[in-house]
Amino acid sequence: MDKQWRHEYLEMKAGLSKFQISLLENGPQQLAQAWLLGAMHQDYKRIKGIKEPPSKESGNQTSFKEWSRQSYK
């Protein structure tokens, strides 16, 4: 994971707690801290307008048209 976003997030986000600042600067040491860092990364992407396309591995998303074509073969 690119760490550059952490520095940008520190500069753009006002009102971060000392814990959040420490987490951004030093990284997570526990699983719950990694979750919080992940949530801050999602907030960063939302603020910057970054949208990642859904991956093919993420589920069985198909349109009804595709599903009906496959099921009637």
PDB file of N, CA and C in Angstrom:
ATOM      1  N   MET A   1       0.851  -1.179   0.000  1.00  0.00           N
ATOM      2  CA  MET A   1       0.000   0.000   0.000  1.00  0.00           C
ATOM      3  C   MET A   1       0.893   1.236   0.000  1.00  0.00           C
ATOM      4  N   ASP A   2       0.606   2.139  -0.870  1.00  0.00           N
ATOM      5  CA  ASP A   2       1.371   3.367  -0.983  1.00  0.00           C
ATOM      6  C   ASP A   2       1.172   4.219   0.271  1.00  0.00           C
ATOM      7  N   LYS A   3       2.264   4.688   0.853  1.00  0.00           N
ATOM      8  CA  LYS A   3       2.186   5.480   2.081  1.00  0.00           C
ATOM      9  C   LYS A   3       2.015   6.968   1.806  1.00  0.00           C
ATOM     10  N   GLN A   4       2.110   7.384   0.560  1.00  0.00           N
ATOM     11  CA  GLN A   4       1.991   8.806   0.222  1.00  0.00           C
ATOM     12  C   GLN A   4       0.625   9.363   0.616  1.00  0.00           C
ATOM     13  N   TRP A   5      -0.411   8.562   0.518  1.00  0.00           N
ATOM     14  CA  TRP A   5      -1.747   9.030   0.866  1.00  0.00           C
ATOM     15  C   TRP A   5      -1.820   9.459   2.329  1.00  0.00           C
ATOM     16  N   ARG A   6      -1.028   8.824   3.185  1.00  0.00           N
ATOM     17  CA  ARG A   6      -1.051   9.159   4.613  1.00  0.00           C
ATOM     18  C   ARG A   6      -0.638  10.603   4.845  1.00  0.00           C
ATOM     19  N   HIS A   7       0.414  11.029   4.150  1.00  0.00           N
ATOM     20  CA  HIS A   7       0.885  12.411   4.306  1.00  0.00           C
ATOM     21  C   HIS A   7      -0.148  13.399   3.771  1.00  0.00           C
ATOM     22  N   GLU A   8      -0.740  13.092   2.635  1.00  0.00           N
ATOM     23  CA  GLU A   8      -1.778  13.956   2.072  1.00  0.00           C
ATOM     24  C   GLU A   8      -2.984  14.031   3.006  1.00  0.00           C
ATOM     25  N   TYR A   9      -3.364  12.905   3.573  1.00  0.00           N
ATOM     26  CA  TYR A   9      -4.517  12.852   4.471  1.00  0.00           C
ATOM     27  C   TYR A   9      -4.252  13.687   5.724  1.00  0.00           C
ATOM     28  N   LEU A  10      -3.038  13.607   6.245  1.00  0.00           N
ATOM     29  CA  LEU A  10      -2.680  14.416   7.417  1.00  0.00           C
ATOM     30  C   LEU A  10      -2.832  15.903   7.123  1.00  0.00           C
ATOM     31  N   GLU A  11      -2.450  16.317   5.928  1.00  0.00           N
ATOM     32  CA  GLU A  11      -2.512  17.727   5.554  1.00  0.00           C
ATOM     33  C   GLU A  11      -3.934  18.195   5.274  1.00  0.00           C
ATOM     34  N   MET A  12      -4.764  17.331   4.707  1.00  0.00           N
ATOM     35  CA  MET A  12      -6.102  17.762   4.287  1.00  0.00           C
ATOM     36  C   MET A  12      -7.173  17.584   5.354  1.00  0.00           C
ATOM     37  N   LYS A  13      -6.981  16.684   6.289  1.00  0.00           N
ATOM     38  CA  LYS A  13      -8.027  16.351   7.253  1.00  0.00           C
ATOM     39  C   LYS A  13      -7.777  17.086   8.575  1.00  0.00           C
ATOM     40  N   ALA A  14      -8.685  17.941   8.940  1.00  0.00           N
ATOM     41  CA  ALA A  14      -8.573  18.669  10.205  1.00  0.00           C
ATOM     42  C   ALA A  14      -9.271  17.885  11.315  1.00  0.00           C
ATOM     43  N   GLY A  15      -8.816  18.065  12.527  1.00  0.00           N
ATOM     44  CA  GLY A  15      -9.482  17.466  13.675  1.00  0.00           C
ATOM     45  C   GLY A  15      -9.128  16.021  13.950  1.00  0.00           C
ATOM     46  N   LEU A  16      -7.990  15.556  13.449  1.00  0.00           N
ATOM     47  CA  LEU A  16      -7.570  14.186  13.735  1.00  0.00           C
ATOM     48  C   LEU A  16      -7.080  14.101  15.180  1.00  0.00           C
ATOM     49  N   SER A  17      -7.356  12.988  15.813  1.00  0.00           N
ATOM     50  CA  SER A  17      -6.884  12.791  17.186  1.00  0.00           C
ATOM     51  C   SER A  17      -5.390  12.475  17.188  1.00  0.00           C
ATOM     52  N   LYS A  18      -4.775  12.572  18.355  1.00  0.00           N
ATOM     53  CA  LYS A  18      -3.356  12.228  18.475  1.00  0.00           C
ATOM     54  C   LYS A  18      -3.131  10.775  18.085  1.00  0.00           C
ATOM     55  N   PHE A  19      -4.076   9.914  18.434  1.00  0.00           N
ATOM     56  CA  PHE A  19      -3.975   8.501  18.085  1.00  0.00           C
ATOM     57  C   PHE A  19      -3.989   8.305  16.571  1.00  0.00           C
ATOM     58  N   GLN A  20      -4.896   9.003  15.884  1.00  0.00           N
ATOM     59  CA  GLN A  20      -4.985   8.879  14.433  1.00  0.00           C
ATOM     60  C   GLN A  20      -3.720   9.404  13.755  1.00  0.00           C
ATOM     61  N   ILE A  21      -3.183  10.513  14.257  1.00  0.00           N
ATOM     62  CA  ILE A  21      -1.960  11.071  13.703  1.00  0.00           C
ATOM     63  C   ILE A  21      -0.809  10.080  13.878  1.00  0.00           C
ATOM     64  N   SER A  22      -0.715   9.499  15.078  1.00  0.00           N
ATOM     65  CA  SER A  22       0.326   8.514  15.345  1.00  0.00           C
ATOM     66  C   SER A  22       0.176   7.299  14.434  1.00  0.00           C
ATOM     67  N   LEU A  23      -1.055   6.870  14.233  1.00  0.00           N
ATOM     68  CA  LEU A  23      -1.322   5.719  13.374  1.00  0.00           C
ATOM     69  C   LEU A  23      -0.912   6.001  11.926  1.00  0.00           C
ATOM     70  N   LEU A  24      -1.195   7.193  11.450  1.00  0.00           N
ATOM     71  CA  LEU A  24      -0.812   7.567  10.090  1.00  0.00           C
ATOM     72  C   LEU A  24       0.705   7.678   9.936  1.00  0.00           C
ATOM     73  N   GLU A  25       1.371   8.149  10.974  1.00  0.00           N
ATOM     74  CA  GLU A  25       2.819   8.327  10.895  1.00  0.00           C
ATOM     75  C   GLU A  25       3.587   7.026  11.109  1.00  0.00           C
ATOM     76  N   ASN A  26       3.098   6.167  12.010  1.00  0.00           N
ATOM     77  CA  ASN A  26       3.853   4.984  12.408  1.00  0.00           C
ATOM     78  C   ASN A  26       3.289   3.662  11.892  1.00  0.00           C
ATOM     79  N   GLY A  27       2.080   3.686  11.420  1.00  0.00           N
ATOM     80  CA  GLY A  27       1.463   2.459  10.931  1.00  0.00           C
ATOM     81  C   GLY A  27       0.817   1.652  12.051  1.00  0.00           C
ATOM     82  N   PRO A  28       0.025   0.656  11.689  1.00  0.00           N
ATOM     83  CA  PRO A  28      -0.696  -0.141  12.684  1.00  0.00           C
ATOM     84  C   PRO A  28       0.203  -1.176  13.353  1.00  0.00           C
ATOM     85  N   GLN A  29      -0.106  -1.470  14.604  1.00  0.00           N
ATOM     86  CA  GLN A  29       0.599  -2.510  15.354  1.00  0.00           C
ATOM     87  C   GLN A  29      -0.335  -3.666  15.707  1.00  0.00           C
ATOM     88  N   GLN A  30      -1.635  -3.431  15.584  1.00  0.00           N
ATOM     89  CA  GLN A  30      -2.641  -4.438  15.920  1.00  0.00           C
ATOM     90  C   GLN A  30      -3.698  -4.475  14.821  1.00  0.00           C
ATOM     91  N   LEU A  31      -4.490  -5.531  14.831  1.00  0.00           N
ATOM     92  CA  LEU A  31      -5.510  -5.708  13.800  1.00  0.00           C
ATOM     93  C   LEU A  31      -6.528  -4.574  13.811  1.00  0.00           C
ATOM     94  N   ALA A  32      -6.997  -4.185  14.989  1.00  0.00           N
ATOM     95  CA  ALA A  32      -7.997  -3.113  15.087  1.00  0.00           C
ATOM     96  C   ALA A  32      -7.432  -1.794  14.557  1.00  0.00           C
ATOM     97  N   GLN A  33      -6.144  -1.564  14.754  1.00  0.00           N
ATOM     98  CA  GLN A  33      -5.511  -0.361  14.225  1.00  0.00           C
ATOM     99  C   GLN A  33      -5.454  -0.407  12.705  1.00  0.00           C
ATOM    100  N   ALA A  34      -5.225  -1.586  12.157  1.00  0.00           N
ATOM    101  CA  ALA A  34      -5.214  -1.752  10.697  1.00  0.00           C
ATOM    102  C   ALA A  34      -6.598  -1.466  10.128  1.00  0.00           C
ATOM    103  N   TRP A  35      -7.645  -1.875  10.846  1.00  0.00           N
ATOM    104  CA  TRP A  35      -9.017  -1.575  10.405  1.00  0.00           C
ATOM    105  C   TRP A  35      -9.253  -0.074  10.374  1.00  0.00           C
ATOM    106  N   LEU A  36      -8.813   0.609  11.435  1.00  0.00           N
ATOM    107  CA  LEU A  36      -8.986   2.060  11.506  1.00  0.00           C
ATOM    108  C   LEU A  36      -8.209   2.747  10.386  1.00  0.00           C
ATOM    109  N   LEU A  37      -6.990   2.298  10.127  1.00  0.00           N
ATOM    110  CA  LEU A  37      -6.191   2.861   9.046  1.00  0.00           C
ATOM    111  C   LEU A  37      -6.874   2.622   7.696  1.00  0.00           C
ATOM    112  N   GLY A  38      -7.459   1.440   7.533  1.00  0.00           N
ATOM    113  CA  GLY A  38      -8.208   1.148   6.307  1.00  0.00           C
ATOM    114  C   GLY A  38      -9.409   2.054   6.144  1.00  0.00           C
ATOM    115  N   ALA A  39     -10.089   2.355   7.252  1.00  0.00           N
ATOM    116  CA  ALA A  39     -11.240   3.264   7.198  1.00  0.00           C
ATOM    117  C   ALA A  39     -10.787   4.677   6.827  1.00  0.00           C
ATOM    118  N   MET A  40      -9.643   5.085   7.356  1.00  0.00           N
ATOM    119  CA  MET A  40      -9.117   6.410   6.999  1.00  0.00           C
ATOM    120  C   MET A  40      -8.704   6.440   5.532  1.00  0.00           C
ATOM    121  N   HIS A  41      -8.186   5.330   5.011  1.00  0.00           N
ATOM    122  CA  HIS A  41      -7.813   5.271   3.597  1.00  0.00           C
ATOM    123  C   HIS A  41      -9.056   5.370   2.714  1.00  0.00           C
ATOM    124  N   GLN A  42     -10.136   4.720   3.118  1.00  0.00           N
ATOM    125  CA  GLN A  42     -11.387   4.827   2.365  1.00  0.00           C
ATOM    126  C   GLN A  42     -11.915   6.260   2.392  1.00  0.00           C
ATOM    127  N   ASP A  43     -11.804   6.925   3.542  1.00  0.00           N
ATOM    128  CA  ASP A  43     -12.215   8.325   3.654  1.00  0.00           C
ATOM    129  C   ASP A  43     -11.368   9.196   2.737  1.00  0.00           C
ATOM    130  N   TYR A  44     -10.059   8.931   2.696  1.00  0.00           N
ATOM    131  CA  TYR A  44      -9.154   9.662   1.812  1.00  0.00           C
ATOM    132  C   TYR A  44      -9.587   9.502   0.352  1.00  0.00           C
ATOM    133  N   LYS A  45      -9.871   8.259  -0.051  1.00  0.00           N
ATOM    134  CA  LYS A  45     -10.282   8.016  -1.444  1.00  0.00           C
ATOM    135  C   LYS A  45     -11.611   8.696  -1.746  1.00  0.00           C
ATOM    136  N   ARG A  46     -12.527   8.724  -0.770  1.00  0.00           N
ATOM    137  CA  ARG A  46     -13.808   9.395  -0.969  1.00  0.00           C
ATOM    138  C   ARG A  46     -13.599  10.897  -1.164  1.00  0.00           C
ATOM    139  N   ILE A  47     -12.757  11.498  -0.335  1.00  0.00           N
ATOM    140  CA  ILE A  47     -12.476  12.927  -0.432  1.00  0.00           C
ATOM    141  C   ILE A  47     -11.825  13.254  -1.771  1.00  0.00           C
ATOM    142  N   LYS A  48     -10.883  12.437  -2.214  1.00  0.00           N
ATOM    143  CA  LYS A  48     -10.172  12.672  -3.467  1.00  0.00           C
ATOM    144  C   LYS A  48     -10.990  12.278  -4.700  1.00  0.00           C
ATOM    145  N   GLY A  49     -12.096  11.574  -4.504  1.00  0.00           N
ATOM    146  CA  GLY A  49     -12.926  11.160  -5.626  1.00  0.00           C
ATOM    147  C   GLY A  49     -12.379   9.962  -6.370  1.00  0.00           C
ATOM    148  N   ILE A  50     -11.605   9.133  -5.678  1.00  0.00           N
ATOM    149  CA  ILE A  50     -11.019   7.946  -6.294  1.00  0.00           C
ATOM    150  C   ILE A  50     -12.012   6.795  -6.199  1.00  0.00           C
ATOM    151  N   LYS A  51     -12.380   6.248  -7.350  1.00  0.00           N
ATOM    152  CA  LYS A  51     -13.301   5.111  -7.378  1.00  0.00           C
ATOM    153  C   LYS A  51     -12.624   3.971  -8.106  1.00  0.00           C
ATOM    154  N   GLU A  52     -12.533   2.848  -7.426  1.00  0.00           N
ATOM    155  CA  GLU A  52     -11.924   1.676  -8.037  1.00  0.00           C
ATOM    156  C   GLU A  52     -13.018   0.800  -8.634  1.00  0.00           C
ATOM    157  N   PRO A  53     -12.793   0.294  -9.838  1.00  0.00           N
ATOM    158  CA  PRO A  53     -13.801  -0.582 -10.435  1.00  0.00           C
ATOM    159  C   PRO A  53     -13.908  -1.887  -9.643  1.00  0.00           C
ATOM    160  N   PRO A  54     -15.085  -2.461  -9.549  1.00  0.00           N
ATOM    161  CA  PRO A  54     -15.217  -3.729  -8.817  1.00  0.00           C
ATOM    162  C   PRO A  54     -14.427  -4.830  -9.513  1.00  0.00           C
ATOM    163  N   SER A  55     -13.827  -5.679  -8.725  1.00  0.00           N
ATOM    164  CA  SER A  55     -13.038  -6.762  -9.303  1.00  0.00           C
ATOM    165  C   SER A  55     -13.955  -7.923  -9.687  1.00  0.00           C
ATOM    166  N   LYS A  56     -13.506  -8.725 -10.629  1.00  0.00           N
ATOM    167  CA  LYS A  56     -14.274  -9.901 -11.056  1.00  0.00           C
ATOM    168  C   LYS A  56     -14.373 -10.917  -9.921  1.00  0.00           C
ATOM    169  N   GLU A  57     -13.399 -10.907  -9.012  1.00  0.00           N
ATOM    170  CA  GLU A  57     -13.364 -11.876  -7.927  1.00  0.00           C
ATOM    171  C   GLU A  57     -14.297 -11.508  -6.783  1.00  0.00           C
ATOM    172  N   SER A  58     -14.853 -10.297  -6.803  1.00  0.00           N
ATOM    173  CA  SER A  58     -15.609  -9.816  -5.653  1.00  0.00           C
ATOM    174  C   SER A  58     -17.028 -10.356  -5.563  1.00  0.00           C
ATOM    175  N   GLY A  59     -17.477 -11.116  -6.504  1.00  0.00           N
ATOM    176  CA  GLY A  59     -18.821 -11.650  -6.376  1.00  0.00           C
ATOM    177  C   GLY A  59     -19.429 -12.080  -7.686  1.00  0.00           C
ATOM    178  N   ASN A  60     -20.689 -12.378  -7.613  1.00  0.00           N
ATOM    179  CA  ASN A  60     -21.414 -12.889  -8.766  1.00  0.00           C
ATOM    180  C   ASN A  60     -22.334 -11.817  -9.330  1.00  0.00           C
ATOM    181  N   GLN A  61     -21.786 -10.668  -9.597  1.00  0.00           N
ATOM    182  CA  GLN A  61     -22.572  -9.573 -10.139  1.00  0.00           C
ATOM    183  C   GLN A  61     -22.772  -9.773 -11.638  1.00  0.00           C
ATOM    184  N   THR A  62     -23.980 -10.058 -12.026  1.00  0.00           N
ATOM    185  CA  THR A  62     -24.302 -10.149 -13.441  1.00  0.00           C
ATOM    186  C   THR A  62     -25.621  -9.436 -13.670  1.00  0.00           C
ATOM    187  N   SER A  63     -25.834  -9.004 -14.857  1.00  0.00           N
ATOM    188  CA  SER A  63     -27.111  -8.390 -15.182  1.00  0.00           C
ATOM    189  C   SER A  63     -28.146  -9.501 -15.397  1.00  0.00           C
ATOM    190  N   PHE A  64     -29.405  -9.144 -15.315  1.00  0.00           N
ATOM    191  CA  PHE A  64     -30.460 -10.129 -15.538  1.00  0.00           C
ATOM    192  C   PHE A  64     -30.362 -10.702 -16.942  1.00  0.00           C
ATOM    193  N   LYS A  65     -29.995  -9.846 -17.900  1.00  0.00           N
ATOM    194  CA  LYS A  65     -29.875 -10.286 -19.283  1.00  0.00           C
ATOM    195  C   LYS A  65     -28.803 -11.379 -19.416  1.00  0.00           C
ATOM    196  N   GLU A  66     -27.648 -11.166 -18.759  1.00  0.00           N
ATOM    197  CA  GLU A  66     -26.586 -12.170 -18.800  1.00  0.00           C
ATOM    198  C   GLU A  66     -27.032 -13.453 -18.105  1.00  0.00           C
ATOM    199  N   TRP A  67     -27.678 -13.301 -16.965  1.00  0.00           N
ATOM    200  CA  TRP A  67     -28.112 -14.461 -16.203  1.00  0.00           C
ATOM    201  C   TRP A  67     -29.121 -15.291 -17.002  1.00  0.00           C
ATOM    202  N   SER A  68     -30.096 -14.617 -17.619  1.00  0.00           N
ATOM    203  CA  SER A  68     -31.117 -15.352 -18.352  1.00  0.00           C
ATOM    204  C   SER A  68     -30.535 -16.037 -19.582  1.00  0.00           C
ATOM    205  N   ARG A  69     -29.557 -15.417 -20.222  1.00  0.00           N
ATOM    206  CA  ARG A  69     -28.905 -16.017 -21.367  1.00  0.00           C
ATOM    207  C   ARG A  69     -28.176 -17.306 -20.957  1.00  0.00           C
ATOM    208  N   GLN A  70     -27.515 -17.273 -19.810  1.00  0.00           N
ATOM    209  CA  GLN A  70     -26.767 -18.439 -19.349  1.00  0.00           C
ATOM    210  C   GLN A  70     -27.671 -19.549 -18.831  1.00  0.00           C
ATOM    211  N   SER A  71     -28.763 -19.196 -18.205  1.00  0.00           N
ATOM    212  CA  SER A  71     -29.607 -20.196 -17.579  1.00  0.00           C
ATOM    213  C   SER A  71     -30.505 -20.941 -18.580  1.00  0.00           C
ATOM    214  N   TYR A  72     -30.727 -20.392 -19.767  1.00  0.00           N
ATOM    215  CA  TYR A  72     -31.586 -21.036 -20.753  1.00  0.00           C
ATOM    216  C   TYR A  72     -30.814 -21.750 -21.850  1.00  0.00           C
ATOM    217  N   LYS A  73     -29.560 -22.027 -21.616  1.00  0.00           N
ATOM    218  CA  LYS A  73     -28.760 -22.733 -22.625  1.00  0.00           C
ATOM    219  C   LYS A  73     -28.953 -24.217 -22.537  1.00  0.00           C
TER     220      LYS A  73
END
